[in-house]
């Protein structure tokens, strides 16, 4: 075979592989298992999007995702603002990406994805965003009943050219239906979630994890920043709580974070256990899990190169206090039993 024919054959093979990759729908599980950041471009009328914050109307947009294997996929989507506080106080902090406008879309398996970005456009906002991304990663270390996330470097382009393009890290959050599916579960809705009505071990884990990161912005009885799932084969069993939205935790500690006034704490960095009292034996099982994962938790933070050193130092210092507490039996009894919530 001549060199020219060989070159043409290689080119045709490349084109064939590229077309196959382009026509294949995204595998959701593989998408979230891959931790490499993606380069993404979102183009929309940004002023139109901002004007729809109150109505939550979805606006037209286009998205291009550049995958690490040199494949680029583009599609038309709809986007809208989400999140009560961020919607009112941030620039483009949280968006809902709606992919299900066409069944032939490469992205149609997603249906919809929550995109979480920085509250503002500067580098400090980006560090807070990366800290929240890290919270999800830590949660994944402790339980499969947790939302997976994928980091993206997003370039925002205004289609009317009235706002200068800007880039910032953001992350997308796995849909609750996909969390449930990979755990052989289904989402449980419209259930009366009273104390002790959810699976004890996972409920303790959620409450202790929230205490670790200094988050009080959640409630199982009121379904606040909590989803519930149940096994498909036993839908009458106690639901399992899955937590999300950690931006106002002490671990992230953004400038806008304030604790609820009725909790008696002055700063979000002050930890307050919001779980109900449980026997020491049950607590110890979950404590042992945290202790087993302690080195992995610290390693995950230390090896995350997008966080600056001062941010890492603050995060590690904050976690040090938590691990000191759970290694001291008198502190465990005081925090998780004596001073646990009663109602």
C-alpha atoms as a PDB file:
ATOM      1  CA  UNK A   1       0.000   0.000   0.000  1.00  0.00           C
ATOM      2  CA  UNK A   2       1.384   3.422  -0.974  1.00  0.00           C
ATOM      3  CA  UNK A   3       1.909   6.104   1.657  1.00  0.00           C
ATOM      4  CA  UNK A   4      -0.962   8.182   0.253  1.00  0.00           C
ATOM      5  CA  UNK A   5      -3.399   5.244   0.396  1.00  0.00           C
ATOM      6  CA  UNK A   6      -2.182   4.417   3.907  1.00  0.00           C
ATOM      7  CA  UNK A   7      -2.780   8.017   5.016  1.00  0.00           C
ATOM      8  CA  UNK A   8      -6.271   8.009   3.511  1.00  0.00           C
ATOM      9  CA  UNK A   9      -7.084   4.725   5.305  1.00  0.00           C
ATOM     10  CA  UNK A  10      -5.926   6.099   8.647  1.00  0.00           C
ATOM     11  CA  UNK A  11      -7.947   9.261   8.069  1.00  0.00           C
ATOM     12  CA  UNK A  12     -11.088   7.273   7.211  1.00  0.00           C
ATOM     13  CA  UNK A  13     -10.626   5.111  10.326  1.00  0.00           C
ATOM     14  CA  UNK A  14     -10.309   8.213  12.486  1.00  0.00           C
ATOM     15  CA  UNK A  15     -13.416   9.776  10.940  1.00  0.00           C
ATOM     16  CA  UNK A  16     -15.378   6.537  11.468  1.00  0.00           C
ATOM     17  CA  UNK A  17     -14.378   6.337  15.143  1.00  0.00           C
ATOM     18  CA  UNK A  18     -15.229  10.017  15.623  1.00  0.00           C
ATOM     19  CA  UNK A  19     -18.668   9.655  14.013  1.00  0.00           C
ATOM     20  CA  UNK A  20     -19.432   6.562  16.118  1.00  0.00           C
ATOM     21  CA  UNK A  21     -18.447   8.447  19.238  1.00  0.00           C
ATOM     22  CA  UNK A  22     -20.546  11.395  18.155  1.00  0.00           C
ATOM     23  CA  UNK A  23     -23.681   9.331  17.553  1.00  0.00           C
ATOM     24  CA  UNK A  24     -23.392   7.267  20.715  1.00  0.00           C
ATOM     25  CA  UNK A  25     -25.350   8.490  23.732  1.00  0.00           C
ATOM     26  CA  UNK A  26     -23.411   9.333  26.864  1.00  0.00           C
ATOM     27  CA  UNK A  27     -23.083   6.613  29.489  1.00  0.00           C
ATOM     28  CA  UNK A  28     -24.106   8.310  32.732  1.00  0.00           C
ATOM     29  CA  UNK A  29     -22.186   5.965  35.012  1.00  0.00           C
ATOM     30  CA  UNK A  30     -18.958   6.303  33.031  1.00  0.00           C
ATOM     31  CA  UNK A  31     -19.438  10.074  32.891  1.00  0.00           C
ATOM     32  CA  UNK A  32     -19.446  10.434  36.677  1.00  0.00           C
ATOM     33  CA  UNK A  33     -16.816   7.761  37.336  1.00  0.00           C
ATOM     34  CA  UNK A  34     -14.311   9.757  35.282  1.00  0.00           C
ATOM     35  CA  UNK A  35     -12.884  12.472  37.552  1.00  0.00           C
ATOM     36  CA  UNK A  36     -10.979  14.398  34.877  1.00  0.00           C
ATOM     37  CA  UNK A  37     -12.296  17.973  34.559  1.00  0.00           C
ATOM     38  CA  UNK A  38     -14.142  18.771  31.335  1.00  0.00           C
ATOM     39  CA  UNK A  39     -13.883  21.909  29.235  1.00  0.00           C
ATOM     40  CA  UNK A  40     -17.376  23.206  28.508  1.00  0.00           C
ATOM     41  CA  UNK A  41     -18.839  26.152  26.625  1.00  0.00           C
ATOM     42  CA  UNK A  42     -22.354  27.430  27.363  1.00  0.00           C
ATOM     43  CA  UNK A  43     -23.759  30.060  25.013  1.00  0.00           C
ATOM     44  CA  UNK A  44     -26.980  31.908  25.772  1.00  0.00           C
ATOM     45  CA  UNK A  45     -28.516  35.355  26.091  1.00  0.00           C
ATOM     46  CA  UNK A  46     -27.181  35.989  29.604  1.00  0.00           C
ATOM     47  CA  UNK A  47     -29.294  39.107  30.248  1.00  0.00           C
ATOM     48  CA  UNK A  48     -32.400  37.203  29.179  1.00  0.00           C
ATOM     49  CA  UNK A  49     -31.436  34.405  31.570  1.00  0.00           C
ATOM     50  CA  UNK A  50     -30.900  36.846  34.438  1.00  0.00           C
ATOM     51  CA  UNK A  51     -34.226  38.564  33.768  1.00  0.00           C
ATOM     52  CA  UNK A  52     -35.981  35.206  34.229  1.00  0.00           C
ATOM     53  CA  UNK A  53     -34.619  34.569  37.747  1.00  0.00           C
ATOM     54  CA  UNK A  54     -37.996  35.139  39.386  1.00  0.00           C
ATOM     55  CA  UNK A  55     -40.157  33.405  36.812  1.00  0.00           C
ATOM     56  CA  UNK A  56     -37.699  30.497  36.487  1.00  0.00           C
ATOM     57  CA  UNK A  57     -38.503  30.362  32.796  1.00  0.00           C
ATOM     58  CA  UNK A  58     -36.090  28.213  30.801  1.00  0.00           C
ATOM     59  CA  UNK A  59     -34.198  29.988  28.025  1.00  0.00           C
ATOM     60  CA  UNK A  60     -32.553  28.582  24.920  1.00  0.00           C
ATOM     61  CA  UNK A  61     -28.844  27.811  25.020  1.00  0.00           C
ATOM     62  CA  UNK A  62     -26.205  25.680  23.387  1.00  0.00           C
ATOM     63  CA  UNK A  63     -23.596  23.555  25.107  1.00  0.00           C
ATOM     64  CA  UNK A  64     -20.315  22.078  23.892  1.00  0.00           C
ATOM     65  CA  UNK A  65     -18.457  19.532  26.013  1.00  0.00           C
ATOM     66  CA  UNK A  66     -14.854  18.726  25.148  1.00  0.00           C
ATOM     67  CA  UNK A  67     -13.961  15.302  26.526  1.00  0.00           C
ATOM     68  CA  UNK A  68     -10.403  14.314  27.513  1.00  0.00           C
ATOM     69  CA  UNK A  69     -10.260  11.805  24.629  1.00  0.00           C
ATOM     70  CA  UNK A  70     -10.401  14.676  22.103  1.00  0.00           C
ATOM     71  CA  UNK A  71     -14.087  14.217  21.309  1.00  0.00           C
ATOM     72  CA  UNK A  72     -16.285  17.291  21.281  1.00  0.00           C
ATOM     73  CA  UNK A  73     -20.090  17.115  21.459  1.00  0.00           C
ATOM     74  CA  UNK A  74     -22.455  20.044  20.989  1.00  0.00           C
ATOM     75  CA  UNK A  75     -26.209  20.334  21.356  1.00  0.00           C
ATOM     76  CA  UNK A  76     -29.078  22.739  21.883  1.00  0.00           C
ATOM     77  CA  UNK A  77     -30.503  22.755  25.421  1.00  0.00           C
ATOM     78  CA  UNK A  78     -32.595  24.895  27.742  1.00  0.00           C
ATOM     79  CA  UNK A  79     -31.319  26.388  30.984  1.00  0.00           C
ATOM     80  CA  UNK A  80     -32.868  28.160  33.962  1.00  0.00           C
ATOM     81  CA  UNK A  81     -31.847  29.406  37.393  1.00  0.00           C
ATOM     82  CA  UNK A  82     -32.316  27.252  40.482  1.00  0.00           C
ATOM     83  CA  UNK A  83     -31.668  27.547  44.243  1.00  0.00           C
ATOM     84  CA  UNK A  84     -33.577  30.086  46.344  1.00  0.00           C
ATOM     85  CA  UNK A  85     -30.679  31.998  47.904  1.00  0.00           C
ATOM     86  CA  UNK A  86     -28.224  31.759  45.032  1.00  0.00           C
ATOM     87  CA  UNK A  87     -30.927  32.727  42.540  1.00  0.00           C
ATOM     88  CA  UNK A  88     -31.464  36.018  44.383  1.00  0.00           C
ATOM     89  CA  UNK A  89     -27.897  36.823  45.443  1.00  0.00           C
ATOM     90  CA  UNK A  90     -25.490  35.348  42.901  1.00  0.00           C
ATOM     91  CA  UNK A  91     -24.556  36.073  39.305  1.00  0.00           C
ATOM     92  CA  UNK A  92     -25.010  32.674  37.596  1.00  0.00           C
ATOM     93  CA  UNK A  93     -24.360  30.375  40.542  1.00  0.00           C
ATOM     94  CA  UNK A  94     -26.774  27.508  39.973  1.00  0.00           C
ATOM     95  CA  UNK A  95     -28.437  26.470  36.744  1.00  0.00           C
ATOM     96  CA  UNK A  96     -30.634  23.602  35.632  1.00  0.00           C
ATOM     97  CA  UNK A  97     -29.487  22.185  32.303  1.00  0.00           C
ATOM     98  CA  UNK A  98     -32.365  20.547  30.473  1.00  0.00           C
ATOM     99  CA  UNK A  99     -31.251  17.990  27.887  1.00  0.00           C
ATOM    100  CA  UNK A 100     -34.531  16.201  27.267  1.00  0.00           C
ATOM    101  CA  UNK A 101     -35.779  18.631  24.625  1.00  0.00           C
ATOM    102  CA  UNK A 102     -34.866  16.054  21.971  1.00  0.00           C
ATOM    103  CA  UNK A 103     -34.791  12.262  22.184  1.00  0.00           C
ATOM    104  CA  UNK A 104     -31.998  12.069  19.613  1.00  0.00           C
ATOM    105  CA  UNK A 105     -29.633  14.203  21.695  1.00  0.00           C
ATOM    106  CA  UNK A 106     -26.254  12.771  22.695  1.00  0.00           C
ATOM    107  CA  UNK A 107     -27.048  14.064  26.165  1.00  0.00           C
ATOM    108  CA  UNK A 108     -30.616  12.750  26.376  1.00  0.00           C
ATOM    109  CA  UNK A 109     -29.754  10.040  28.972  1.00  0.00           C
ATOM    110  CA  UNK A 110     -29.168  12.883  31.456  1.00  0.00           C
ATOM    111  CA  UNK A 111     -32.619  14.463  30.969  1.00  0.00           C
ATOM    112  CA  UNK A 112     -31.523  17.234  33.328  1.00  0.00           C
ATOM    113  CA  UNK A 113     -28.451  18.184  35.358  1.00  0.00           C
ATOM    114  CA  UNK A 114     -27.872  20.717  38.106  1.00  0.00           C
ATOM    115  CA  UNK A 115     -24.869  22.925  37.367  1.00  0.00           C
ATOM    116  CA  UNK A 116     -23.277  24.613  40.402  1.00  0.00           C
ATOM    117  CA  UNK A 117     -20.944  27.554  39.822  1.00  0.00           C
ATOM    118  CA  UNK A 118     -19.333  30.264  41.908  1.00  0.00           C
ATOM    119  CA  UNK A 119     -21.587  32.946  43.393  1.00  0.00           C
ATOM    120  CA  UNK A 120     -19.512  35.643  41.697  1.00  0.00           C
ATOM    121  CA  UNK A 121     -16.910  35.732  38.952  1.00  0.00           C
ATOM    122  CA  UNK A 122     -13.632  36.187  40.853  1.00  0.00           C
ATOM    123  CA  UNK A 123     -11.044  33.637  41.999  1.00  0.00           C
ATOM    124  CA  UNK A 124     -12.254  33.612  45.608  1.00  0.00           C
ATOM    125  CA  UNK A 125     -15.718  32.577  44.425  1.00  0.00           C
ATOM    126  CA  UNK A 126     -14.053  29.772  42.507  1.00  0.00           C
ATOM    127  CA  UNK A 127     -12.229  28.522  45.615  1.00  0.00           C
ATOM    128  CA  UNK A 128     -15.511  28.333  47.543  1.00  0.00           C
ATOM    129  CA  UNK A 129     -17.001  26.409  44.629  1.00  0.00           C
ATOM    130  CA  UNK A 130     -14.090  23.948  44.616  1.00  0.00           C
ATOM    131  CA  UNK A 131     -14.482  23.444  48.369  1.00  0.00           C
ATOM    132  CA  UNK A 132     -18.131  22.496  47.900  1.00  0.00           C
ATOM    133  CA  UNK A 133     -17.101  20.136  45.090  1.00  0.00           C
ATOM    134  CA  UNK A 134     -14.694  18.546  47.570  1.00  0.00           C
ATOM    135  CA  UNK A 135     -17.526  18.010  50.084  1.00  0.00           C
ATOM    136  CA  UNK A 136     -19.317  15.784  47.556  1.00  0.00           C
ATOM    137  CA  UNK A 137     -16.098  13.856  46.994  1.00  0.00           C
ATOM    138  CA  UNK A 138     -15.699  13.260  50.740  1.00  0.00           C
ATOM    139  CA  UNK A 139     -19.321  12.124  50.975  1.00  0.00           C
ATOM    140  CA  UNK A 140     -18.708   9.624  48.148  1.00  0.00           C
ATOM    141  CA  UNK A 141     -15.883   8.085  50.193  1.00  0.00           C
ATOM    142  CA  UNK A 142     -18.294   7.242  53.008  1.00  0.00           C
ATOM    143  CA  UNK A 143     -21.367   5.898  51.214  1.00  0.00           C
ATOM    144  CA  UNK A 144     -22.710   4.985  47.785  1.00  0.00           C
ATOM    145  CA  UNK A 145     -25.950   6.704  48.808  1.00  0.00           C
ATOM    146  CA  UNK A 146     -24.527  10.055  47.758  1.00  0.00           C
ATOM    147  CA  UNK A 147     -24.579  12.298  44.714  1.00  0.00           C
ATOM    148  CA  UNK A 148     -21.612  12.035  42.365  1.00  0.00           C
ATOM    149  CA  UNK A 149     -20.335  15.192  40.698  1.00  0.00           C
ATOM    150  CA  UNK A 150     -18.210  16.054  37.665  1.00  0.00           C
ATOM    151  CA  UNK A 151     -15.946  19.084  37.574  1.00  0.00           C
ATOM    152  CA  UNK A 152     -16.042  21.389  34.556  1.00  0.00           C
ATOM    153  CA  UNK A 153     -14.200  24.478  33.419  1.00  0.00           C
ATOM    154  CA  UNK A 154     -17.082  26.426  31.913  1.00  0.00           C
ATOM    155  CA  UNK A 155     -16.718  29.222  29.389  1.00  0.00           C
ATOM    156  CA  UNK A 156     -19.861  31.382  29.441  1.00  0.00           C
ATOM    157  CA  UNK A 157     -20.592  33.218  26.194  1.00  0.00           C
ATOM    158  CA  UNK A 158     -23.287  35.844  25.752  1.00  0.00           C
ATOM    159  CA  UNK A 159     -24.907  35.353  22.350  1.00  0.00           C
ATOM    160  CA  UNK A 160     -25.846  39.044  22.182  1.00  0.00           C
ATOM    161  CA  UNK A 161     -22.210  40.109  22.808  1.00  0.00           C
ATOM    162  CA  UNK A 162     -23.323  42.516  25.524  1.00  0.00           C
ATOM    163  CA  UNK A 163     -21.398  40.717  28.299  1.00  0.00           C
ATOM    164  CA  UNK A 164     -17.762  39.734  28.014  1.00  0.00           C
ATOM    165  CA  UNK A 165     -17.109  35.956  28.010  1.00  0.00           C
ATOM    166  CA  UNK A 166     -15.704  34.569  31.240  1.00  0.00           C
ATOM    167  CA  UNK A 167     -14.511  31.171  32.456  1.00  0.00           C
ATOM    168  CA  UNK A 168     -14.883  29.536  35.851  1.00  0.00           C
ATOM    169  CA  UNK A 169     -14.909  26.090  37.369  1.00  0.00           C
ATOM    170  CA  UNK A 170     -18.313  24.579  38.071  1.00  0.00           C
ATOM    171  CA  UNK A 171     -19.649  21.080  38.624  1.00  0.00           C
ATOM    172  CA  UNK A 172     -22.709  19.103  37.629  1.00  0.00           C
ATOM    173  CA  UNK A 173     -24.584  16.898  40.098  1.00  0.00           C
ATOM    174  CA  UNK A 174     -25.902  13.426  39.368  1.00  0.00           C
ATOM    175  CA  UNK A 175     -29.696  13.202  39.192  1.00  0.00           C
ATOM    176  CA  UNK A 176     -31.458  11.479  42.125  1.00  0.00           C
ATOM    177  CA  UNK A 177     -32.957   8.904  39.728  1.00  0.00           C
ATOM    178  CA  UNK A 178     -29.435   7.841  38.750  1.00  0.00           C
ATOM    179  CA  UNK A 179     -28.293   7.720  42.401  1.00  0.00           C
ATOM    180  CA  UNK A 180     -31.231   5.428  43.111  1.00  0.00           C
ATOM    181  CA  UNK A 181     -30.704   3.275  40.017  1.00  0.00           C
ATOM    182  CA  UNK A 182     -27.072   2.405  40.760  1.00  0.00           C
ATOM    183  CA  UNK A 183     -28.111   1.400  44.292  1.00  0.00           C
ATOM    184  CA  UNK A 184     -31.022  -0.757  43.054  1.00  0.00           C
ATOM    185  CA  UNK A 185     -33.412   1.745  44.586  1.00  0.00           C
ATOM    186  CA  UNK A 186     -36.071   4.238  43.579  1.00  0.00           C
ATOM    187  CA  UNK A 187     -36.776   7.701  44.899  1.00  0.00           C
ATOM    188  CA  UNK A 188     -39.352   7.818  47.679  1.00  0.00           C
ATOM    189  CA  UNK A 189     -41.655  10.834  47.502  1.00  0.00           C
ATOM    190  CA  UNK A 190     -44.549  12.130  49.556  1.00  0.00           C
ATOM    191  CA  UNK A 191     -43.639  10.237  52.717  1.00  0.00           C
ATOM    192  CA  UNK A 192     -44.070  11.491  56.238  1.00  0.00           C
ATOM    193  CA  UNK A 193     -40.476  11.574  57.427  1.00  0.00           C
ATOM    194  CA  UNK A 194     -40.629  11.819  61.208  1.00  0.00           C
ATOM    195  CA  UNK A 195     -37.771  10.999  63.601  1.00  0.00           C
ATOM    196  CA  UNK A 196     -36.725   7.342  63.437  1.00  0.00           C
ATOM    197  CA  UNK A 197     -38.683   6.821  60.216  1.00  0.00           C
ATOM    198  CA  UNK A 198     -35.540   6.521  58.059  1.00  0.00           C
ATOM    199  CA  UNK A 199     -32.869   3.807  58.046  1.00  0.00           C
ATOM    200  CA  UNK A 200     -30.895   4.263  61.249  1.00  0.00           C
ATOM    201  CA  UNK A 201     -27.334   3.595  60.064  1.00  0.00           C
ATOM    202  CA  UNK A 202     -27.539   5.856  56.999  1.00  0.00           C
ATOM    203  CA  UNK A 203     -29.381   8.535  58.989  1.00  0.00           C
ATOM    204  CA  UNK A 204     -26.599   8.606  61.594  1.00  0.00           C
ATOM    205  CA  UNK A 205     -24.030   8.774  58.787  1.00  0.00           C
ATOM    206  CA  UNK A 206     -25.769  11.751  57.173  1.00  0.00           C
ATOM    207  CA  UNK A 207     -26.109  13.589  60.494  1.00  0.00           C
ATOM    208  CA  UNK A 208     -22.481  12.911  61.454  1.00  0.00           C
ATOM    209  CA  UNK A 209     -21.228  13.919  58.012  1.00  0.00           C
ATOM    210  CA  UNK A 210     -23.174  17.179  58.250  1.00  0.00           C
ATOM    211  CA  UNK A 211     -21.620  17.734  61.672  1.00  0.00           C
ATOM    212  CA  UNK A 212     -18.152  17.039  60.228  1.00  0.00           C
ATOM    213  CA  UNK A 213     -18.561  19.736  57.570  1.00  0.00           C
ATOM    214  CA  UNK A 214     -20.402  22.105  59.922  1.00  0.00           C
ATOM    215  CA  UNK A 215     -23.675  22.144  57.993  1.00  0.00           C
ATOM    216  CA  UNK A 216     -27.010  22.882  59.682  1.00  0.00           C
ATOM    217  CA  UNK A 217     -28.879  23.719  56.474  1.00  0.00           C
ATOM    218  CA  UNK A 218     -30.719  20.405  56.171  1.00  0.00           C
ATOM    219  CA  UNK A 219     -33.696  18.534  57.593  1.00  0.00           C
ATOM    220  CA  UNK A 220     -35.056  15.051  56.987  1.00  0.00           C
ATOM    221  CA  UNK A 221     -38.570  15.742  58.411  1.00  0.00           C
ATOM    222  CA  UNK A 222     -38.929  18.801  56.144  1.00  0.00           C
ATOM    223  CA  UNK A 223     -37.117  17.273  53.133  1.00  0.00           C
ATOM    224  CA  UNK A 224     -34.743  20.237  53.149  1.00  0.00           C
ATOM    225  CA  UNK A 225     -31.637  19.460  51.064  1.00  0.00           C
ATOM    226  CA  UNK A 226     -32.445  15.770  51.497  1.00  0.00           C
ATOM    227  CA  UNK A 227     -33.763  13.162  49.072  1.00  0.00           C
ATOM    228  CA  UNK A 228     -35.042   9.719  50.096  1.00  0.00           C
ATOM    229  CA  UNK A 229     -34.575   6.401  48.292  1.00  0.00           C
ATOM    230  CA  UNK A 230     -35.869   2.882  49.015  1.00  0.00           C
ATOM    231  CA  UNK A 231     -34.862  -0.549  47.648  1.00  0.00           C
ATOM    232  CA  UNK A 232     -36.891  -1.520  44.585  1.00  0.00           C
ATOM    233  CA  UNK A 233     -37.530  -4.974  46.062  1.00  0.00           C
ATOM    234  CA  UNK A 234     -38.792  -3.593  49.367  1.00  0.00           C
ATOM    235  CA  UNK A 235     -40.438  -0.213  48.855  1.00  0.00           C
ATOM    236  CA  UNK A 236     -42.072  -0.398  52.271  1.00  0.00           C
ATOM    237  CA  UNK A 237     -38.740  -0.489  54.080  1.00  0.00           C
ATOM    238  CA  UNK A 238     -37.343   2.545  55.882  1.00  0.00           C
ATOM    239  CA  UNK A 239     -36.120   5.172  53.375  1.00  0.00           C
ATOM    240  CA  UNK A 240     -32.453   6.072  53.084  1.00  0.00           C
ATOM    241  CA  UNK A 241     -31.584   9.811  53.190  1.00  0.00           C
ATOM    242  CA  UNK A 242     -29.263  11.329  50.582  1.00  0.00           C
ATOM    243  CA  UNK A 243     -27.944  14.819  51.343  1.00  0.00           C
ATOM    244  CA  UNK A 244     -26.979  17.624  48.957  1.00  0.00           C
ATOM    245  CA  UNK A 245     -26.289  21.401  48.809  1.00  0.00           C
ATOM    246  CA  UNK A 246     -23.381  22.068  51.164  1.00  0.00           C
ATOM    247  CA  UNK A 247     -22.401  25.615  50.210  1.00  0.00           C
ATOM    248  CA  UNK A 248     -23.357  27.259  53.530  1.00  0.00           C
ATOM    249  CA  UNK A 249     -21.415  24.748  55.634  1.00  0.00           C
ATOM    250  CA  UNK A 250     -18.531  25.773  57.876  1.00  0.00           C
ATOM    251  CA  UNK A 251     -16.236  23.652  55.724  1.00  0.00           C
ATOM    252  CA  UNK A 252     -16.970  25.855  52.687  1.00  0.00           C
ATOM    253  CA  UNK A 253     -17.656  29.042  54.703  1.00  0.00           C
ATOM    254  CA  UNK A 254     -18.520  31.521  51.927  1.00  0.00           C
ATOM    255  CA  UNK A 255     -19.063  35.201  52.856  1.00  0.00           C
ATOM    256  CA  UNK A 256     -22.845  34.923  52.488  1.00  0.00           C
ATOM    257  CA  UNK A 257     -23.247  31.916  54.823  1.00  0.00           C
ATOM    258  CA  UNK A 258     -25.157  32.578  58.047  1.00  0.00           C
ATOM    259  CA  UNK A 259     -26.611  30.029  60.496  1.00  0.00           C
ATOM    260  CA  UNK A 260     -30.371  30.000  61.135  1.00  0.00           C
ATOM    261  CA  UNK A 261     -31.065  32.440  63.995  1.00  0.00           C
ATOM    262  CA  UNK A 262     -32.957  29.893  66.101  1.00  0.00           C
ATOM    263  CA  UNK A 263     -30.007  27.474  66.469  1.00  0.00           C
ATOM    264  CA  UNK A 264     -28.020  29.551  68.937  1.00  0.00           C
ATOM    265  CA  UNK A 265     -24.747  29.607  67.009  1.00  0.00           C
ATOM    266  CA  UNK A 266     -23.109  32.780  65.722  1.00  0.00           C
ATOM    267  CA  UNK A 267     -21.087  31.440  62.771  1.00  0.00           C
ATOM    268  CA  UNK A 268     -21.463  28.530  60.367  1.00  0.00           C
ATOM    269  CA  UNK A 269     -18.005  27.331  61.409  1.00  0.00           C
ATOM    270  CA  UNK A 270     -19.470  26.493  64.842  1.00  0.00           C
ATOM    271  CA  UNK A 271     -20.502  22.857  64.689  1.00  0.00           C
ATOM    272  CA  UNK A 272     -23.923  21.805  65.929  1.00  0.00           C
ATOM    273  CA  UNK A 273     -25.142  18.216  65.727  1.00  0.00           C
ATOM    274  CA  UNK A 274     -28.620  18.120  64.154  1.00  0.00           C
ATOM    275  CA  UNK A 275     -29.149  14.388  64.455  1.00  0.00           C
ATOM    276  CA  UNK A 276     -31.313  12.710  67.092  1.00  0.00           C
ATOM    277  CA  UNK A 277     -29.755  10.764  69.993  1.00  0.00           C
ATOM    278  CA  UNK A 278     -28.850   7.146  69.243  1.00  0.00           C
ATOM    279  CA  UNK A 279     -27.301   4.375  71.357  1.00  0.00           C
ATOM    280  CA  UNK A 280     -23.524   4.615  71.667  1.00  0.00           C
ATOM    281  CA  UNK A 281     -23.124   1.214  69.986  1.00  0.00           C
ATOM    282  CA  UNK A 282     -24.882   2.448  66.825  1.00  0.00           C
ATOM    283  CA  UNK A 283     -22.908   5.672  66.812  1.00  0.00           C
ATOM    284  CA  UNK A 284     -19.630   3.793  67.187  1.00  0.00           C
ATOM    285  CA  UNK A 285     -20.256   1.784  64.012  1.00  0.00           C
ATOM    286  CA  UNK A 286     -20.466   5.002  61.991  1.00  0.00           C
ATOM    287  CA  UNK A 287     -17.582   6.596  63.880  1.00  0.00           C
ATOM    288  CA  UNK A 288     -15.440   3.587  62.959  1.00  0.00           C
ATOM    289  CA  UNK A 289     -16.297   4.180  59.304  1.00  0.00           C
ATOM    290  CA  UNK A 290     -15.098   7.789  59.527  1.00  0.00           C
ATOM    291  CA  UNK A 291     -11.911   6.667  61.265  1.00  0.00           C
ATOM    292  CA  UNK A 292     -11.322   4.013  58.613  1.00  0.00           C
ATOM    293  CA  UNK A 293     -11.623   6.679  55.921  1.00  0.00           C
ATOM    294  CA  UNK A 294      -9.641   9.355  57.772  1.00  0.00           C
ATOM    295  CA  UNK A 295      -6.433   9.037  55.748  1.00  0.00           C
ATOM    296  CA  UNK A 296      -8.345   8.936  52.456  1.00  0.00           C
ATOM    297  CA  UNK A 297     -10.228  12.079  53.444  1.00  0.00           C
ATOM    298  CA  UNK A 298      -7.037  14.009  54.136  1.00  0.00           C
ATOM    299  CA  UNK A 299      -5.339  12.632  51.019  1.00  0.00           C
ATOM    300  CA  UNK A 300      -8.246  13.671  48.813  1.00  0.00           C
ATOM    301  CA  UNK A 301      -7.859  17.261  49.985  1.00  0.00           C
ATOM    302  CA  UNK A 302      -4.059  17.352  49.833  1.00  0.00           C
ATOM    303  CA  UNK A 303      -3.962  15.917  46.324  1.00  0.00           C
ATOM    304  CA  UNK A 304      -6.554  18.280  44.857  1.00  0.00           C
ATOM    305  CA  UNK A 305      -4.292  20.716  43.015  1.00  0.00           C
ATOM    306  CA  UNK A 306      -6.952  23.291  42.142  1.00  0.00           C
ATOM    307  CA  UNK A 307      -7.224  24.346  45.787  1.00  0.00           C
ATOM    308  CA  UNK A 308      -4.574  26.796  46.980  1.00  0.00           C
ATOM    309  CA  UNK A 309      -2.428  25.896  49.968  1.00  0.00           C
ATOM    310  CA  UNK A 310      -4.079  28.312  52.409  1.00  0.00           C
ATOM    311  CA  UNK A 311      -7.506  26.881  51.549  1.00  0.00           C
ATOM    312  CA  UNK A 312      -6.260  23.332  52.091  1.00  0.00           C
ATOM    313  CA  UNK A 313      -4.743  24.318  55.425  1.00  0.00           C
ATOM    314  CA  UNK A 314      -8.063  25.783  56.621  1.00  0.00           C
ATOM    315  CA  UNK A 315     -10.002  22.706  55.529  1.00  0.00           C
ATOM    316  CA  UNK A 316      -7.604  20.281  57.184  1.00  0.00           C
ATOM    317  CA  UNK A 317      -7.572  22.277  60.414  1.00  0.00           C
ATOM    318  CA  UNK A 318     -11.376  22.243  60.434  1.00  0.00           C
ATOM    319  CA  UNK A 319     -11.435  18.463  59.995  1.00  0.00           C
ATOM    320  CA  UNK A 320      -8.802  17.975  62.703  1.00  0.00           C
ATOM    321  CA  UNK A 321     -11.286  19.223  65.315  1.00  0.00           C
ATOM    322  CA  UNK A 322     -13.915  16.765  64.097  1.00  0.00           C
ATOM    323  CA  UNK A 323     -11.617  13.749  64.269  1.00  0.00           C
ATOM    324  CA  UNK A 324     -10.395  14.820  67.696  1.00  0.00           C
ATOM    325  CA  UNK A 325     -14.033  14.821  68.856  1.00  0.00           C
ATOM    326  CA  UNK A 326     -14.958  11.371  67.531  1.00  0.00           C
ATOM    327  CA  UNK A 327     -11.782   9.859  69.045  1.00  0.00           C
ATOM    328  CA  UNK A 328     -12.812  10.979  72.546  1.00  0.00           C
ATOM    329  CA  UNK A 329     -15.619   8.932  74.130  1.00  0.00           C
ATOM    330  CA  UNK A 330     -16.730  11.688  76.519  1.00  0.00           C
ATOM    331  CA  UNK A 331     -17.017  14.102  73.564  1.00  0.00           C
ATOM    332  CA  UNK A 332     -18.960  11.545  71.548  1.00  0.00           C
ATOM    333  CA  UNK A 333     -21.484  11.114  74.356  1.00  0.00           C
ATOM    334  CA  UNK A 334     -21.772  14.873  74.879  1.00  0.00           C
ATOM    335  CA  UNK A 335     -22.161  15.868  71.208  1.00  0.00           C
ATOM    336  CA  UNK A 336     -24.100  12.961  69.716  1.00  0.00           C
ATOM    337  CA  UNK A 337     -26.248  11.864  72.662  1.00  0.00           C
ATOM    338  CA  UNK A 338     -26.602  14.378  75.512  1.00  0.00           C
ATOM    339  CA  UNK A 339     -26.789  17.461  73.287  1.00  0.00           C
ATOM    340  CA  UNK A 340     -28.405  15.875  70.242  1.00  0.00           C
ATOM    341  CA  UNK A 341     -31.672  17.392  69.049  1.00  0.00           C
ATOM    342  CA  UNK A 342     -34.912  16.245  70.678  1.00  0.00           C
ATOM    343  CA  UNK A 343     -37.492  17.586  68.240  1.00  0.00           C
END
